[in-house]
Structures are given as structure tokens and as C-alpha cells.
Amino acid sequence: MLFVALAVGVVVTDQLVKQWIVATYNDGRIHQILGDWLSIDLIHNGGGLFGFFQGTAIAFAVVTIAVIGLIAWLQFQWGWRSWLITLALGLLLGGAIGNFIDRIRFGYVVDFVDIGVGSWRFYVFNVADMAVTCFFLLLIAIWLVAPRLLTSGGGSGEARTAPNGGAASSDTQGPVAE
């Protein structure tokens, strides 16, 4: 339920914010929000991640359909093992669908968040992109923490033991039966 609720929440938030941004800031100017650090810069991204591959929005839409299927499969296979995996996959699904809707509706993705300092600017992005970024950050956190969870005694500081009485190895694929 968390998986679907989170994905729907990301999609609805993404689409509502984009609709408001387009209605409010569609004058071709950059609007500073927090000095030079944060601005609204409404752009139409006809490409993919970070604006690469301009003019390929429809191709990315087709690929996104396969990605959505893969995300659902991953949730079905792995999501039940950890609420963190479910959280990460829900964010990824919501982000993928949010940008997919733009590609189908407009032939481009609406991006508007511009951050940076002076002439150094990051790529302009949107709420869906933020959700995808959070997915990657959670994925890294899971990757860094998961081996400790598998080899610790559930947080008690004791080493887990394998069924034969020896120490469980760090490459164990799942919790050791006790």
C-alpha cells in the first residue's frame, strides 16, 4: 500500500506543481526565489535526464513504459523485504510516471527548479526528478547499510550465527535461520 500511495502522491504533487508553475511563471523570465541560489526557470525539456538527447521525448516515453513494468516487478520481488525498498521504489515509480505524463501530453518535460551559485548552475529539474534523486540516495543508503543488517544480530551488536554454528558470512543472501 505504501508503494502505490507514495507513487500516486509523487505524481499528483508533480503534476499540480507543474500546472501552477506554468500558469504563474510562463513569461520567459527567470524568477529569483532565494537570491541567486534558487530560481524558477520554466523550461521545456524535450530530451532525457539532465536535458541530454534533446528531441527524443517520445522515445523516452516508450522506454519509461518498460521501466514502470520493471519497477512494479522489483516491488513484487523485493519490496516486501524492507519498507526502505518499498519507499525507494515508490519514489522512483512516481517520478517516472510524473515525467511520462509530460512526455505524452506535451512532447517534453516541464522543468523549473534552478539551483546554483553565480555562473555555476545545476540542471533545471522538477518534483518528479526530486523523487528519482531520492530513490538513488535511498538505494545508496540501503547498499551501504544492508550488509551490516545482514551480519549483525538485528542491531544487538552480536554476530549472527549460521545454522551450522559458525559465523554468518557477509555475502549471505538473506537473514540466517535460527
Protein backbone atom coordinates (compact mmCIF):
# COMPACT_ATOMS: atom_id res chain seq x y z
CA MET A 1 0.00 0.00 0.00
CA LEU A 2 2.90 2.40 0.81
CA PHE A 3 4.34 1.74 -2.65
CA VAL A 4 1.20 2.78 -4.53
CA ALA A 5 0.29 5.63 -2.15
CA LEU A 6 3.75 7.15 -2.42
CA ALA A 7 3.86 6.83 -6.21
CA VAL A 8 0.40 8.42 -6.53
CA GLY A 9 1.40 11.19 -4.10
CA VAL A 10 4.52 12.00 -6.12
CA VAL A 11 2.59 12.02 -9.43
CA VAL A 12 -0.22 14.22 -8.11
CA THR A 13 2.20 16.65 -6.43
CA ASP A 14 4.42 16.77 -9.52
CA GLN A 15 1.56 17.44 -11.92
CA LEU A 16 -0.17 20.03 -9.69
CA VAL A 17 3.08 21.94 -9.07
CA LYS A 18 3.92 21.89 -12.79
CA GLN A 19 0.44 23.15 -13.64
CA TRP A 20 0.80 26.01 -11.14
CA ILE A 21 4.32 26.88 -12.33
CA VAL A 22 3.22 27.00 -15.98
CA ALA A 23 0.22 29.19 -15.10
CA THR A 24 2.25 31.52 -12.86
CA TYR A 25 5.73 31.75 -14.40
CA ASN A 26 5.15 31.37 -18.15
CA ASP A 27 6.65 34.76 -19.04
CA GLY A 28 10.09 33.66 -20.26
CA ARG A 29 11.92 35.26 -17.32
CA ILE A 30 13.95 33.70 -14.51
CA HIS A 31 12.34 34.43 -11.13
CA GLN A 32 14.70 34.52 -8.17
CA ILE A 33 13.25 32.94 -5.04
CA LEU A 34 16.28 32.80 -2.69
CA GLY A 35 18.71 35.23 -4.26
CA ASP A 36 20.88 33.63 -6.91
CA TRP A 37 20.80 30.26 -5.15
CA LEU A 38 17.21 29.20 -6.03
CA SER A 39 15.19 30.38 -9.02
CA ILE A 40 12.17 29.40 -11.07
CA ASP A 41 13.29 28.97 -14.68
CA LEU A 42 10.49 27.35 -16.69
CA ILE A 43 11.93 25.24 -19.49
CA HIS A 44 10.63 22.56 -21.85
CA ASN A 45 12.97 19.58 -21.73
CA GLY A 46 12.49 17.62 -24.95
CA GLY A 47 15.19 15.14 -24.01
CA GLY A 48 16.09 12.86 -21.17
CA LEU A 49 17.95 13.04 -17.90
CA PHE A 50 19.73 16.39 -17.42
CA GLY A 51 18.49 17.55 -20.82
CA PHE A 52 20.61 15.10 -22.80
CA PHE A 53 19.29 13.65 -26.08
CA GLN A 54 17.03 16.59 -27.00
CA GLY A 55 14.16 15.73 -29.33
CA THR A 56 13.78 12.19 -28.03
CA ALA A 57 10.88 12.67 -25.57
CA ILE A 58 8.68 10.10 -27.33
CA ALA A 59 11.48 7.52 -27.33
CA PHE A 60 11.97 8.15 -23.61
CA ALA A 61 8.20 7.73 -23.10
CA VAL A 62 8.36 4.28 -24.70
CA VAL A 63 11.36 3.31 -22.56
CA THR A 64 9.51 4.59 -19.49
CA ILE A 65 6.74 2.05 -20.05
CA ALA A 66 9.30 -0.74 -19.75
CA VAL A 67 10.86 0.95 -16.71
CA ILE A 68 7.46 1.20 -14.99
CA GLY A 69 6.97 -2.52 -15.56
CA LEU A 70 10.43 -3.23 -14.15
CA ILE A 71 9.76 -1.09 -11.06
CA ALA A 72 6.48 -2.95 -10.40
CA TRP A 73 8.27 -6.29 -10.81
CA LEU A 74 11.06 -5.21 -8.43
CA GLN A 75 8.48 -4.16 -5.84
CA PHE A 76 6.72 -7.51 -6.19
CA GLN A 77 10.02 -9.41 -5.86
CA TRP A 78 11.86 -7.33 -3.25
CA GLY A 79 9.60 -4.67 -1.76
CA TRP A 80 8.09 -6.93 0.87
CA ARG A 81 11.56 -7.49 2.35
CA SER A 82 12.02 -3.91 3.50
CA TRP A 83 9.92 -0.78 3.87
CA LEU A 84 13.00 1.16 2.68
CA ILE A 85 12.98 -0.72 -0.62
CA THR A 86 9.25 -0.06 -0.93
CA LEU A 87 9.83 3.62 -0.16
CA ALA A 88 12.63 3.88 -2.72
CA LEU A 89 10.68 2.08 -5.45
CA GLY A 90 7.54 4.14 -4.76
CA LEU A 91 9.55 7.33 -5.24
CA LEU A 92 11.08 6.01 -8.45
CA LEU A 93 7.71 4.93 -9.84
CA GLY A 94 6.10 8.28 -9.02
CA GLY A 95 8.95 10.18 -10.62
CA ALA A 96 8.92 8.02 -13.73
CA ILE A 97 5.16 8.38 -14.18
CA GLY A 98 5.22 12.14 -13.50
CA ASN A 99 7.68 12.81 -16.31
CA PHE A 100 6.00 10.18 -18.52
CA ILE A 101 2.73 12.12 -18.33
CA ASP A 102 4.52 15.28 -19.52
CA ARG A 103 6.16 13.46 -22.42
CA ILE A 104 2.83 12.04 -23.58
CA ARG A 105 0.84 15.27 -23.07
CA PHE A 106 3.33 17.83 -24.34
CA GLY A 107 6.19 16.01 -26.07
CA TYR A 108 8.56 17.44 -23.43
CA VAL A 109 9.03 17.52 -19.66
CA VAL A 110 8.25 20.70 -17.71
CA ASP A 111 11.31 21.59 -15.60
CA PHE A 112 11.50 24.68 -13.42
CA VAL A 113 13.76 24.41 -10.34
CA ASP A 114 17.10 26.14 -10.95
CA ILE A 115 19.75 25.99 -8.22
CA GLY A 116 23.33 27.13 -8.17
CA VAL A 117 25.73 29.88 -7.24
CA GLY A 118 26.71 32.62 -9.66
CA SER A 119 27.50 31.19 -13.07
CA TRP A 120 27.67 27.63 -11.68
CA ARG A 121 24.17 26.19 -12.16
CA PHE A 122 22.83 22.70 -11.73
CA TYR A 123 20.46 21.24 -14.34
CA VAL A 124 16.90 22.59 -14.13
CA PHE A 125 14.61 19.93 -12.66
CA ASN A 126 11.12 19.25 -11.24
CA VAL A 127 9.31 17.38 -8.45
CA ALA A 128 9.43 14.05 -10.33
CA ASP A 129 13.19 14.45 -10.73
CA MET A 130 13.49 15.11 -6.98
CA ALA A 131 11.68 11.83 -6.28
CA VAL A 132 14.03 9.93 -8.62
CA THR A 133 17.03 11.56 -6.92
CA CYS A 134 15.68 10.49 -3.50
CA PHE A 135 15.36 6.95 -4.89
CA PHE A 136 19.06 6.92 -5.79
CA LEU A 137 20.05 8.34 -2.38
CA LEU A 138 17.96 5.68 -0.62
CA LEU A 139 19.45 3.00 -2.86
CA ILE A 140 22.95 4.07 -1.85
CA ALA A 141 21.93 4.13 1.82
CA ILE A 142 20.41 0.64 1.54
CA TRP A 143 23.55 -0.63 -0.20
CA LEU A 144 25.80 0.82 2.50
CA VAL A 145 23.69 -0.32 5.45
CA ALA A 146 22.28 -3.66 4.25
CA PRO A 147 25.48 -5.72 4.75
CA ARG A 148 25.59 -4.56 8.38
CA LEU A 149 21.98 -5.51 8.88
CA LEU A 150 22.61 -8.99 7.49
CA THR A 151 25.68 -9.65 9.60
CA SER A 152 24.59 -8.01 12.85
CA GLY A 153 22.29 -9.57 15.39
CA GLY A 154 19.42 -7.35 14.36
CA GLY A 155 21.06 -4.32 15.90
CA SER A 156 22.04 -6.01 19.18
CA GLY A 157 25.74 -5.86 18.35
CA GLU A 158 26.07 -9.67 18.39
CA ALA A 159 27.30 -11.54 15.34
CA ARG A 160 24.71 -13.78 13.70
CA THR A 161 25.42 -17.46 13.53
CA ALA A 162 24.92 -19.75 10.60
CA PRO A 163 22.80 -22.91 11.00
CA ASN A 164 25.99 -25.00 11.40
CA GLY A 165 27.01 -22.91 14.41
CA GLY A 166 29.69 -20.89 12.57
CA ALA A 167 29.64 -17.17 11.90
CA ALA A 168 27.42 -15.99 9.08
CA SER A 169 29.37 -14.54 6.16
CA SER A 170 28.85 -11.01 4.89
CA ASP A 171 27.77 -12.32 1.49
CA THR A 172 24.70 -14.04 2.94
CA GLN A 173 21.72 -13.50 0.65
CA GLY A 174 19.21 -13.10 3.47
CA PRO A 175 18.66 -13.49 7.18
CA VAL A 176 20.15 -16.62 8.65
CA ALA A 177 17.65 -19.13 10.01
CA GLU A 178 17.97 -19.59 13.75
